């Protein structure tokens, strides 16, 4: 009986590229260079909570739980709701932003107030900010999420908590997600709250 060689040929493994991570100093430089309060709030939230760009643009005012220091993400990737941490510094910036811009349907509306800001616009904001801060690494907005996770791990945060706030599937167990209570997530200190960020003035 002839063997079916088509099933015996192993597929070549895909290269596993490590994500490019910004250092704490680079994050501080980048955020310190943002003068527009709306842009600063977007980038701060993205980094401080490890959000995907598609998640930050779809945030609504009611998703920010200031009292419990949590951010609610409805039907995130994988169609599963989750909570992540809310940084004290990011919260204060959001309050200043809302005081100046006012409250609308979306936390970060686009030019058409009925629609949220596009991911492409956020990518452009991030790119321009990196240039202003003289950051030459080949990074995207998603690099803020990688940096968030890396900085938490370096600070000694348990990997289970990081997997939960990022909404990642567990790589070590058969469980889909590593569960942790919302109360415990609220106790985690965001790496943004450990940075020294200079105040900026709004662009004309």
N, C-alpha and C. Protein backbone atom coordinates (compact mmCIF):
# COMPACT_ATOMS: atom_id res chain seq x y z
N UNK A 1 0.83 -1.20 0.00
CA UNK A 1 0.00 0.00 0.00
C UNK A 1 0.87 1.26 0.00
N UNK A 2 0.60 2.17 -0.94
CA UNK A 2 1.39 3.37 -1.04
C UNK A 2 1.02 4.37 0.04
N UNK A 3 2.02 5.01 0.55
CA UNK A 3 1.79 6.03 1.56
C UNK A 3 1.42 7.35 0.89
N UNK A 4 0.58 8.09 1.58
CA UNK A 4 0.20 9.41 1.08
C UNK A 4 1.21 10.42 1.60
N UNK A 5 2.20 10.73 0.76
CA UNK A 5 3.29 11.59 1.20
C UNK A 5 2.85 13.03 1.45
N UNK A 6 1.71 13.37 0.87
CA UNK A 6 1.22 14.74 1.06
C UNK A 6 0.94 15.03 2.53
N UNK A 7 0.54 13.98 3.27
CA UNK A 7 0.22 14.15 4.68
C UNK A 7 1.44 14.01 5.56
N UNK A 8 2.56 13.52 5.00
CA UNK A 8 3.76 13.29 5.78
C UNK A 8 4.70 14.49 5.76
N UNK A 9 4.50 15.38 4.78
CA UNK A 9 5.36 16.56 4.68
C UNK A 9 4.95 17.58 5.73
N UNK A 10 5.87 17.91 6.58
CA UNK A 10 5.58 18.88 7.63
C UNK A 10 5.68 20.29 7.10
N UNK A 11 4.71 21.11 7.51
CA UNK A 11 4.72 22.50 7.10
C UNK A 11 5.82 23.25 7.84
N UNK A 12 6.51 24.13 7.15
CA UNK A 12 7.56 24.90 7.85
C UNK A 12 6.95 25.81 8.90
N UNK A 13 7.62 25.90 10.03
CA UNK A 13 7.12 26.73 11.12
C UNK A 13 7.28 28.21 10.78
N UNK A 14 6.28 28.98 11.16
CA UNK A 14 6.35 30.42 10.93
C UNK A 14 7.34 31.05 11.91
N UNK A 15 8.03 32.05 11.43
CA UNK A 15 8.96 32.77 12.30
C UNK A 15 8.18 33.49 13.40
N UNK A 16 8.64 33.33 14.61
CA UNK A 16 8.01 34.02 15.72
C UNK A 16 8.83 35.27 16.05
N UNK A 17 8.35 36.40 15.56
CA UNK A 17 9.06 37.65 15.78
C UNK A 17 8.66 38.26 17.11
N UNK A 18 9.64 38.69 17.84
CA UNK A 18 9.37 39.35 19.12
C UNK A 18 8.81 40.74 18.87
N UNK A 19 7.84 41.17 19.66
CA UNK A 19 7.27 42.51 19.47
C UNK A 19 8.27 43.59 19.84
N UNK A 20 8.19 44.70 19.15
CA UNK A 20 9.05 45.84 19.46
C UNK A 20 8.42 46.60 20.62
N UNK A 21 9.20 46.80 21.66
CA UNK A 21 8.69 47.41 22.89
C UNK A 21 9.37 48.75 23.13
N UNK A 22 8.59 49.73 23.54
CA UNK A 22 9.13 51.02 23.93
C UNK A 22 9.53 50.97 25.39
N UNK A 23 10.66 51.59 25.72
CA UNK A 23 11.10 51.62 27.12
C UNK A 23 10.25 52.60 27.90
N UNK A 24 10.38 52.58 29.21
CA UNK A 24 9.63 53.53 30.05
C UNK A 24 10.04 54.96 29.73
N UNK A 25 11.33 55.15 29.47
CA UNK A 25 11.82 56.49 29.13
C UNK A 25 11.20 56.97 27.83
N UNK A 26 11.12 56.09 26.85
CA UNK A 26 10.53 56.45 25.55
C UNK A 26 9.04 56.75 25.68
N UNK A 27 8.34 55.97 26.52
CA UNK A 27 6.92 56.23 26.75
C UNK A 27 6.74 57.61 27.38
N UNK A 28 7.58 57.92 28.36
CA UNK A 28 7.53 59.23 29.02
C UNK A 28 7.79 60.36 28.03
N UNK A 29 8.81 60.18 27.18
CA UNK A 29 9.15 61.19 26.17
C UNK A 29 7.99 61.39 25.20
N UNK A 30 7.38 60.30 24.79
CA UNK A 30 6.29 60.36 23.82
C UNK A 30 5.08 61.09 24.40
N UNK A 31 4.66 60.68 25.59
CA UNK A 31 3.48 61.28 26.21
C UNK A 31 3.72 62.74 26.61
N UNK A 32 4.96 63.04 26.97
CA UNK A 32 5.30 64.42 27.35
C UNK A 32 5.28 65.35 26.15
N UNK A 33 5.44 64.80 24.95
CA UNK A 33 5.48 65.63 23.75
C UNK A 33 4.10 65.91 23.17
N UNK A 34 3.06 65.27 23.73
CA UNK A 34 1.69 65.47 23.22
C UNK A 34 1.09 66.70 23.87
N UNK A 35 0.77 67.70 23.08
CA UNK A 35 0.19 68.93 23.62
C UNK A 35 -1.33 68.94 23.53
N UNK A 36 -1.88 68.23 22.53
CA UNK A 36 -3.33 68.16 22.37
C UNK A 36 -3.91 67.22 23.42
N UNK A 37 -4.81 67.72 24.27
CA UNK A 37 -5.33 66.94 25.39
C UNK A 37 -6.11 65.70 24.94
N UNK A 38 -6.80 65.79 23.81
CA UNK A 38 -7.55 64.64 23.29
C UNK A 38 -6.59 63.54 22.85
N UNK A 39 -5.56 63.93 22.14
CA UNK A 39 -4.56 62.97 21.66
C UNK A 39 -3.83 62.33 22.84
N UNK A 40 -3.53 63.15 23.84
CA UNK A 40 -2.85 62.64 25.03
C UNK A 40 -3.72 61.63 25.77
N UNK A 41 -5.00 61.91 25.88
CA UNK A 41 -5.92 61.00 26.56
C UNK A 41 -6.01 59.66 25.83
N UNK A 42 -6.05 59.71 24.51
CA UNK A 42 -6.13 58.48 23.71
C UNK A 42 -4.90 57.61 23.91
N UNK A 43 -3.72 58.21 23.78
CA UNK A 43 -2.47 57.45 23.90
C UNK A 43 -2.25 56.97 25.32
N UNK A 44 -2.62 57.79 26.31
CA UNK A 44 -2.48 57.38 27.71
C UNK A 44 -3.36 56.17 28.02
N UNK A 45 -4.61 56.22 27.56
CA UNK A 45 -5.53 55.11 27.80
C UNK A 45 -5.04 53.83 27.12
N UNK A 46 -4.56 53.97 25.89
CA UNK A 46 -4.08 52.81 25.14
C UNK A 46 -2.93 52.12 25.86
N UNK A 47 -1.96 52.92 26.32
CA UNK A 47 -0.80 52.34 27.02
C UNK A 47 -1.16 51.88 28.42
N UNK A 48 -1.85 52.73 29.18
CA UNK A 48 -2.07 52.45 30.60
C UNK A 48 -2.98 51.26 30.86
N UNK A 49 -3.81 50.89 29.86
CA UNK A 49 -4.72 49.77 30.04
C UNK A 49 -4.43 48.63 29.07
N UNK A 50 -3.42 48.80 28.23
CA UNK A 50 -3.06 47.74 27.29
C UNK A 50 -4.15 47.49 26.26
N UNK A 51 -4.78 48.56 25.78
CA UNK A 51 -5.90 48.42 24.85
C UNK A 51 -5.45 48.22 23.41
N UNK A 52 -6.27 47.52 22.65
CA UNK A 52 -6.10 47.48 21.20
C UNK A 52 -6.62 48.80 20.66
N UNK A 53 -6.11 49.24 19.53
CA UNK A 53 -6.56 50.51 18.96
C UNK A 53 -8.04 50.45 18.61
N UNK A 54 -8.51 49.26 18.21
CA UNK A 54 -9.93 49.09 17.88
C UNK A 54 -10.81 49.19 19.13
N UNK A 55 -10.22 48.95 20.29
CA UNK A 55 -10.97 49.05 21.55
C UNK A 55 -11.04 50.48 22.07
N UNK A 56 -9.94 51.19 21.97
CA UNK A 56 -9.90 52.55 22.52
C UNK A 56 -10.82 53.49 21.73
N UNK A 57 -10.92 53.31 20.41
CA UNK A 57 -11.76 54.21 19.61
C UNK A 57 -13.25 53.97 19.85
N UNK A 58 -13.60 52.78 20.33
CA UNK A 58 -15.02 52.44 20.53
C UNK A 58 -15.49 52.65 21.97
N UNK A 59 -14.63 53.23 22.80
CA UNK A 59 -15.01 53.47 24.19
C UNK A 59 -16.12 54.51 24.28
N UNK A 60 -17.03 54.30 25.23
CA UNK A 60 -18.08 55.26 25.52
C UNK A 60 -17.85 55.81 26.92
N UNK A 61 -18.46 56.92 27.21
CA UNK A 61 -18.29 57.55 28.51
C UNK A 61 -18.64 56.59 29.65
N UNK A 62 -19.71 55.83 29.46
CA UNK A 62 -20.18 54.92 30.52
C UNK A 62 -19.28 53.71 30.72
N UNK A 63 -18.32 53.48 29.81
CA UNK A 63 -17.38 52.36 29.97
C UNK A 63 -16.28 52.67 30.98
N UNK A 64 -16.16 53.94 31.35
CA UNK A 64 -15.13 54.35 32.31
C UNK A 64 -15.73 54.35 33.71
N UNK A 65 -15.30 53.41 34.54
CA UNK A 65 -15.78 53.31 35.91
C UNK A 65 -14.74 53.96 36.83
N UNK A 66 -14.92 55.25 37.06
CA UNK A 66 -13.94 56.02 37.84
C UNK A 66 -13.87 55.56 39.29
N UNK A 67 -15.00 55.16 39.84
CA UNK A 67 -15.04 54.77 41.25
C UNK A 67 -14.30 53.47 41.50
N UNK A 68 -14.48 52.50 40.62
CA UNK A 68 -13.83 51.18 40.79
C UNK A 68 -12.49 51.10 40.07
N UNK A 69 -12.13 52.15 39.36
CA UNK A 69 -10.87 52.22 38.60
C UNK A 69 -10.77 51.08 37.57
N UNK A 70 -11.84 50.93 36.81
CA UNK A 70 -11.91 49.89 35.78
C UNK A 70 -12.43 50.46 34.47
N UNK A 71 -12.05 49.80 33.38
CA UNK A 71 -12.56 50.12 32.05
C UNK A 71 -13.30 48.89 31.54
N UNK A 72 -14.53 49.08 31.12
CA UNK A 72 -15.33 47.96 30.62
C UNK A 72 -15.22 47.90 29.10
N UNK A 73 -14.85 46.73 28.59
CA UNK A 73 -14.72 46.53 27.15
C UNK A 73 -15.77 45.52 26.71
N UNK A 74 -16.78 45.99 26.01
CA UNK A 74 -17.89 45.14 25.60
C UNK A 74 -17.59 44.46 24.28
N UNK A 75 -17.81 43.14 24.26
CA UNK A 75 -17.61 42.34 23.05
C UNK A 75 -16.27 42.64 22.41
N UNK A 76 -15.22 42.51 23.22
CA UNK A 76 -13.87 42.73 22.71
C UNK A 76 -13.48 41.58 21.78
N UNK A 77 -12.23 41.51 21.41
CA UNK A 77 -11.78 40.45 20.50
C UNK A 77 -12.14 39.09 21.07
N UNK A 78 -12.74 38.23 20.24
CA UNK A 78 -13.22 36.95 20.73
C UNK A 78 -14.65 37.05 21.21
N UNK A 79 -15.27 38.23 21.00
CA UNK A 79 -16.66 38.48 21.38
C UNK A 79 -16.92 38.19 22.85
N UNK A 80 -15.98 38.58 23.67
CA UNK A 80 -16.12 38.37 25.10
C UNK A 80 -15.87 39.67 25.84
N UNK A 81 -16.81 40.01 26.75
CA UNK A 81 -16.64 41.22 27.55
C UNK A 81 -15.50 41.02 28.54
N UNK A 82 -14.84 42.12 28.88
CA UNK A 82 -13.81 42.02 29.90
C UNK A 82 -13.59 43.39 30.56
N UNK A 83 -12.92 43.38 31.69
CA UNK A 83 -12.51 44.60 32.38
C UNK A 83 -11.00 44.71 32.32
N UNK A 84 -10.51 45.93 32.30
CA UNK A 84 -9.09 46.17 32.47
C UNK A 84 -8.92 47.36 33.41
N UNK A 85 -7.71 47.63 33.80
CA UNK A 85 -7.45 48.66 34.81
C UNK A 85 -7.61 50.07 34.27
N UNK A 86 -7.92 50.99 35.17
CA UNK A 86 -8.01 52.41 34.82
C UNK A 86 -6.96 53.16 35.63
N UNK A 87 -6.01 53.74 34.95
CA UNK A 87 -4.92 54.47 35.59
C UNK A 87 -5.41 55.78 36.19
N UNK A 88 -4.86 56.15 37.34
CA UNK A 88 -5.20 57.43 37.99
C UNK A 88 -4.79 58.61 37.11
N UNK A 89 -3.60 58.51 36.51
CA UNK A 89 -3.11 59.59 35.65
C UNK A 89 -3.98 59.71 34.40
N UNK A 90 -4.33 58.58 33.80
CA UNK A 90 -5.18 58.60 32.61
C UNK A 90 -6.56 59.15 32.94
N UNK A 91 -7.10 58.79 34.10
CA UNK A 91 -8.41 59.27 34.51
C UNK A 91 -8.42 60.79 34.65
N UNK A 92 -7.38 61.33 35.26
CA UNK A 92 -7.29 62.78 35.43
C UNK A 92 -7.21 63.48 34.07
N UNK A 93 -6.49 62.87 33.14
CA UNK A 93 -6.38 63.43 31.79
C UNK A 93 -7.72 63.37 31.07
N UNK A 94 -8.45 62.28 31.25
CA UNK A 94 -9.78 62.15 30.64
C UNK A 94 -10.72 63.23 31.16
N UNK A 95 -10.65 63.50 32.46
CA UNK A 95 -11.50 64.54 33.06
C UNK A 95 -11.19 65.91 32.48
N UNK A 96 -9.91 66.21 32.29
CA UNK A 96 -9.52 67.49 31.69
C UNK A 96 -9.99 67.57 30.23
N UNK A 97 -9.86 66.44 29.54
CA UNK A 97 -10.28 66.38 28.14
C UNK A 97 -11.78 66.60 28.00
N UNK A 98 -12.58 65.92 28.85
CA UNK A 98 -14.03 66.05 28.79
C UNK A 98 -14.49 67.46 29.19
N UNK A 99 -13.75 68.07 30.11
CA UNK A 99 -14.09 69.43 30.54
C UNK A 99 -13.91 70.40 29.39
N UNK A 100 -12.90 70.13 28.56
CA UNK A 100 -12.61 71.02 27.43
C UNK A 100 -13.46 70.72 26.21
N UNK A 101 -13.65 69.43 25.91
CA UNK A 101 -14.35 69.03 24.70
C UNK A 101 -15.84 68.74 24.90
N UNK A 102 -16.22 68.42 26.14
CA UNK A 102 -17.61 68.07 26.40
C UNK A 102 -17.87 66.59 26.17
N UNK A 103 -19.00 66.12 26.65
CA UNK A 103 -19.36 64.70 26.56
C UNK A 103 -20.22 64.44 25.34
N UNK A 104 -19.98 63.34 24.66
CA UNK A 104 -20.77 62.96 23.50
C UNK A 104 -21.04 61.47 23.53
N UNK A 105 -21.60 60.95 22.45
CA UNK A 105 -21.95 59.53 22.39
C UNK A 105 -20.72 58.64 22.58
N UNK A 106 -19.64 59.03 21.91
CA UNK A 106 -18.38 58.28 22.02
C UNK A 106 -17.40 59.06 22.87
N UNK A 107 -16.52 58.36 23.56
CA UNK A 107 -15.51 59.03 24.36
C UNK A 107 -14.58 59.83 23.46
N UNK A 108 -14.26 59.24 22.30
CA UNK A 108 -13.39 59.91 21.33
C UNK A 108 -14.08 59.96 19.96
N UNK A 109 -14.99 60.91 19.78
CA UNK A 109 -15.71 61.01 18.51
C UNK A 109 -14.80 61.51 17.40
N UNK A 110 -15.20 61.19 16.15
CA UNK A 110 -14.46 61.67 15.00
C UNK A 110 -14.97 63.04 14.60
N UNK A 111 -14.68 63.44 13.39
CA UNK A 111 -15.18 64.74 12.91
C UNK A 111 -16.70 64.76 12.90
N UNK A 112 -17.29 63.61 12.52
CA UNK A 112 -18.73 63.43 12.63
C UNK A 112 -19.01 62.92 14.04
N UNK A 113 -19.61 63.75 14.87
CA UNK A 113 -19.80 63.43 16.28
C UNK A 113 -20.59 62.14 16.53
N UNK A 114 -21.34 61.71 15.52
CA UNK A 114 -22.14 60.49 15.66
C UNK A 114 -21.30 59.23 15.53
N UNK A 115 -20.11 59.38 14.99
CA UNK A 115 -19.22 58.23 14.81
C UNK A 115 -17.95 58.39 15.63
N UNK A 116 -17.38 57.25 16.03
CA UNK A 116 -16.15 57.31 16.81
C UNK A 116 -14.96 57.57 15.91
N UNK A 117 -13.87 58.00 16.49
CA UNK A 117 -12.62 58.24 15.76
C UNK A 117 -12.16 56.94 15.10
N UNK A 118 -11.56 57.03 13.93
CA UNK A 118 -11.10 55.84 13.23
C UNK A 118 -9.75 55.37 13.76
N UNK A 119 -9.46 54.10 13.58
CA UNK A 119 -8.17 53.54 14.00
C UNK A 119 -7.04 54.17 13.18
N UNK A 120 -7.34 54.51 11.94
CA UNK A 120 -6.33 55.12 11.08
C UNK A 120 -5.91 56.49 11.63
N UNK A 121 -6.86 57.23 12.16
CA UNK A 121 -6.55 58.53 12.74
C UNK A 121 -5.65 58.38 13.96
N UNK A 122 -5.94 57.38 14.79
CA UNK A 122 -5.13 57.14 15.99
C UNK A 122 -3.72 56.73 15.59
N UNK A 123 -3.60 55.90 14.56
CA UNK A 123 -2.28 55.50 14.07
C UNK A 123 -1.48 56.73 13.63
N UNK A 124 -2.16 57.67 12.97
CA UNK A 124 -1.51 58.89 12.51
C UNK A 124 -1.08 59.75 13.70
N UNK A 125 -1.94 59.85 14.71
CA UNK A 125 -1.61 60.61 15.92
C UNK A 125 -0.37 60.02 16.58
N UNK A 126 -0.34 58.69 16.67
CA UNK A 126 0.79 58.00 17.30
C UNK A 126 2.07 58.22 16.50
N UNK A 127 1.98 58.09 15.19
CA UNK A 127 3.15 58.27 14.32
C UNK A 127 3.72 59.68 14.44
N UNK A 128 2.85 60.67 14.41
CA UNK A 128 3.29 62.07 14.53
C UNK A 128 3.91 62.35 15.89
N UNK A 129 3.34 61.72 16.93
CA UNK A 129 3.86 61.90 18.29
C UNK A 129 5.25 61.29 18.42
N UNK A 130 5.45 60.11 17.83
CA UNK A 130 6.77 59.46 17.89
C UNK A 130 7.82 60.31 17.19
N UNK A 131 7.46 60.91 16.06
CA UNK A 131 8.39 61.77 15.34
C UNK A 131 8.76 62.98 16.19
N UNK A 132 7.75 63.55 16.84
CA UNK A 132 7.97 64.72 17.69
C UNK A 132 8.86 64.38 18.87
N UNK A 133 8.75 63.13 19.37
CA UNK A 133 9.54 62.70 20.51
C UNK A 133 10.88 62.08 20.11
N UNK A 134 11.17 62.11 18.79
CA UNK A 134 12.44 61.56 18.25
C UNK A 134 12.60 60.07 18.54
N UNK A 135 11.49 59.34 18.46
CA UNK A 135 11.54 57.88 18.63
C UNK A 135 11.67 57.26 17.24
N UNK A 136 12.76 56.55 17.01
CA UNK A 136 13.07 56.03 15.68
C UNK A 136 12.75 54.53 15.52
N UNK A 137 12.25 53.90 16.54
CA UNK A 137 11.90 52.49 16.45
C UNK A 137 10.72 52.31 15.49
N UNK A 138 10.68 51.14 14.84
CA UNK A 138 9.59 50.82 13.91
C UNK A 138 8.39 50.32 14.71
N UNK A 139 7.64 51.26 15.26
CA UNK A 139 6.53 50.91 16.15
C UNK A 139 5.20 51.41 15.61
N UNK A 140 4.12 50.81 16.11
CA UNK A 140 2.76 51.21 15.79
C UNK A 140 2.01 51.41 17.10
N UNK A 141 0.75 51.80 17.03
CA UNK A 141 -0.05 51.97 18.24
C UNK A 141 -0.08 50.66 19.05
N UNK A 142 -0.09 49.53 18.36
CA UNK A 142 -0.14 48.23 19.05
C UNK A 142 1.09 48.00 19.91
N UNK A 143 2.18 48.71 19.60
CA UNK A 143 3.39 48.59 20.39
C UNK A 143 3.17 49.10 21.82
N UNK A 144 2.21 50.00 22.00
CA UNK A 144 1.88 50.47 23.35
C UNK A 144 1.31 49.34 24.19
N UNK A 145 0.53 48.48 23.56
CA UNK A 145 -0.04 47.31 24.24
C UNK A 145 1.06 46.32 24.63
N UNK A 146 1.99 46.09 23.71
CA UNK A 146 3.14 45.21 24.01
C UNK A 146 3.98 45.81 25.15
N UNK A 147 4.18 47.11 25.11
CA UNK A 147 4.99 47.79 26.12
C UNK A 147 4.32 47.70 27.49
N UNK A 148 3.01 47.89 27.51
CA UNK A 148 2.22 47.78 28.74
C UNK A 148 2.44 46.42 29.40
N UNK A 149 2.27 45.36 28.62
CA UNK A 149 2.42 44.00 29.15
C UNK A 149 3.84 43.73 29.63
N UNK A 150 4.81 44.18 28.86
CA UNK A 150 6.22 43.98 29.21
C UNK A 150 6.57 44.71 30.50
N UNK A 151 6.12 45.95 30.63
CA UNK A 151 6.43 46.75 31.81
C UNK A 151 5.75 46.18 33.07
N UNK A 152 4.54 45.66 32.91
CA UNK A 152 3.88 45.01 34.05
C UNK A 152 4.65 43.78 34.49
N UNK A 153 5.09 42.98 33.51
CA UNK A 153 5.85 41.77 33.83
C UNK A 153 7.16 42.11 34.52
N UNK A 154 7.80 43.16 34.06
CA UNK A 154 9.06 43.60 34.65
C UNK A 154 8.87 44.12 36.07
N UNK A 155 7.68 44.61 36.36
CA UNK A 155 7.38 45.11 37.71
C UNK A 155 6.95 43.99 38.65
N UNK A 156 6.91 42.75 38.14
CA UNK A 156 6.59 41.62 39.00
C UNK A 156 5.13 41.21 39.02
N UNK A 157 4.31 41.77 38.12
CA UNK A 157 2.90 41.40 38.07
C UNK A 157 2.76 39.97 37.59
N UNK A 158 1.90 39.20 38.25
CA UNK A 158 1.68 37.81 37.89
C UNK A 158 1.16 37.71 36.46
N UNK A 159 1.69 36.73 35.71
CA UNK A 159 1.32 36.57 34.30
C UNK A 159 -0.17 36.32 34.13
N UNK A 160 -0.79 35.70 35.11
CA UNK A 160 -2.24 35.43 35.02
C UNK A 160 -3.04 36.72 34.96
N UNK A 161 -2.62 37.73 35.72
CA UNK A 161 -3.30 39.02 35.72
C UNK A 161 -3.11 39.71 34.37
N UNK A 162 -1.90 39.62 33.84
CA UNK A 162 -1.61 40.26 32.56
C UNK A 162 -2.45 39.65 31.45
N UNK A 163 -2.54 38.32 31.45
CA UNK A 163 -3.36 37.64 30.44
C UNK A 163 -4.82 38.05 30.55
N UNK A 164 -5.28 38.27 31.76
CA UNK A 164 -6.68 38.64 31.97
C UNK A 164 -6.97 40.05 31.47
N UNK A 165 -6.14 41.01 31.85
CA UNK A 165 -6.41 42.40 31.45
C UNK A 165 -6.22 42.60 29.95
N UNK A 166 -5.35 41.78 29.33
CA UNK A 166 -5.16 41.88 27.88
C UNK A 166 -6.24 41.12 27.11
N UNK A 167 -6.91 40.20 27.79
CA UNK A 167 -7.91 39.40 27.11
C UNK A 167 -7.32 38.31 26.25
N UNK A 168 -6.12 37.84 26.61
CA UNK A 168 -5.46 36.78 25.84
C UNK A 168 -5.88 35.40 26.31
N UNK A 169 -5.85 34.45 25.38
CA UNK A 169 -6.08 33.06 25.75
C UNK A 169 -4.84 32.55 26.47
N UNK A 170 -5.07 31.66 27.44
CA UNK A 170 -3.95 31.12 28.19
C UNK A 170 -3.14 30.19 27.30
N UNK A 171 -1.82 30.30 27.35
CA UNK A 171 -0.95 29.45 26.54
C UNK A 171 -0.47 28.23 27.32
N UNK A 172 -0.79 28.17 28.60
CA UNK A 172 -0.25 27.09 29.44
C UNK A 172 -1.31 26.11 29.94
N UNK A 173 -2.56 26.46 29.82
CA UNK A 173 -3.60 25.58 30.31
C UNK A 173 -4.65 25.38 29.23
N UNK A 174 -5.56 24.46 29.43
CA UNK A 174 -6.60 24.20 28.45
C UNK A 174 -7.76 25.18 28.60
N UNK A 175 -7.72 25.97 29.64
CA UNK A 175 -8.77 26.96 29.82
C UNK A 175 -8.64 28.05 28.76
N UNK A 176 -9.78 28.57 28.33
CA UNK A 176 -9.76 29.62 27.30
C UNK A 176 -9.14 30.89 27.87
N UNK A 177 -9.55 31.25 29.07
CA UNK A 177 -9.02 32.46 29.70
C UNK A 177 -8.61 32.15 31.13
N UNK A 178 -7.61 32.88 31.59
CA UNK A 178 -7.23 32.81 32.99
C UNK A 178 -8.08 33.83 33.72
N UNK A 179 -8.97 33.33 34.60
CA UNK A 179 -9.92 34.22 35.25
C UNK A 179 -9.36 34.86 36.52
N UNK A 180 -9.72 36.08 36.72
CA UNK A 180 -9.35 36.81 37.93
C UNK A 180 -10.50 37.77 38.22
N UNK A 181 -10.77 38.00 39.47
CA UNK A 181 -11.92 38.83 39.82
C UNK A 181 -11.69 40.29 39.44
N UNK A 182 -12.77 41.02 39.19
CA UNK A 182 -12.69 42.44 38.86
C UNK A 182 -12.09 43.23 40.02
N UNK A 183 -12.35 42.77 41.21
CA UNK A 183 -11.80 43.45 42.39
C UNK A 183 -10.28 43.38 42.38
N UNK A 184 -9.73 42.23 42.01
CA UNK A 184 -8.27 42.08 41.96
C UNK A 184 -7.67 42.91 40.83
N UNK A 185 -8.36 42.98 39.69
CA UNK A 185 -7.86 43.79 38.58
C UNK A 185 -7.76 45.24 39.00
N UNK A 186 -8.76 45.70 39.75
CA UNK A 186 -8.78 47.08 40.20
C UNK A 186 -7.64 47.43 41.14
N UNK A 187 -7.01 46.41 41.73
CA UNK A 187 -5.89 46.65 42.65
C UNK A 187 -4.55 46.78 41.94
N UNK A 188 -4.51 46.37 40.66
CA UNK A 188 -3.26 46.44 39.92
C UNK A 188 -2.97 47.90 39.57
N UNK A 189 -1.76 48.33 39.80
CA UNK A 189 -1.37 49.70 39.49
C UNK A 189 -0.85 49.76 38.06
N UNK A 190 -1.39 50.66 37.28
CA UNK A 190 -0.96 50.81 35.90
C UNK A 190 0.46 51.38 35.85
N UNK A 191 1.29 50.90 34.88
CA UNK A 191 2.65 51.44 34.76
C UNK A 191 2.67 52.92 34.44
N UNK A 192 1.58 53.46 33.88
CA UNK A 192 1.53 54.89 33.58
C UNK A 192 1.65 55.72 34.84
N UNK A 193 1.11 55.21 35.94
CA UNK A 193 1.12 55.96 37.19
C UNK A 193 2.51 56.04 37.83
N UNK A 194 3.48 55.34 37.24
CA UNK A 194 4.85 55.37 37.77
C UNK A 194 5.76 56.29 36.96
N UNK A 195 5.20 56.91 35.92
CA UNK A 195 6.01 57.75 35.04
C UNK A 195 5.95 59.22 35.42
N UNK A 196 6.98 59.95 35.05
CA UNK A 196 7.03 61.39 35.23
C UNK A 196 6.75 62.02 33.87
N UNK A 197 5.59 62.66 33.72
CA UNK A 197 5.19 63.23 32.44
C UNK A 197 5.04 64.73 32.56
N UNK A 198 5.70 65.44 31.70
CA UNK A 198 5.62 66.89 31.71
C UNK A 198 4.29 67.35 31.15
N UNK A 199 3.80 68.48 31.64
CA UNK A 199 2.56 69.04 31.15
C UNK A 199 2.78 69.70 29.80
N UNK A 200 1.79 69.59 28.92
CA UNK A 200 1.90 70.22 27.62
C UNK A 200 0.77 71.20 27.40
N UNK A 201 1.00 72.16 26.54
CA UNK A 201 -0.02 73.13 26.21
C UNK A 201 -0.73 72.70 24.92
N UNK A 202 -2.00 73.01 24.84
CA UNK A 202 -2.78 72.62 23.67
C UNK A 202 -2.26 73.33 22.41
N UNK A 203 -2.37 72.59 21.30
CA UNK A 203 -2.00 73.18 20.02
C UNK A 203 -3.01 74.26 19.64
N UNK A 204 -2.56 75.28 18.95
CA UNK A 204 -3.48 76.32 18.47
C UNK A 204 -4.36 75.77 17.36
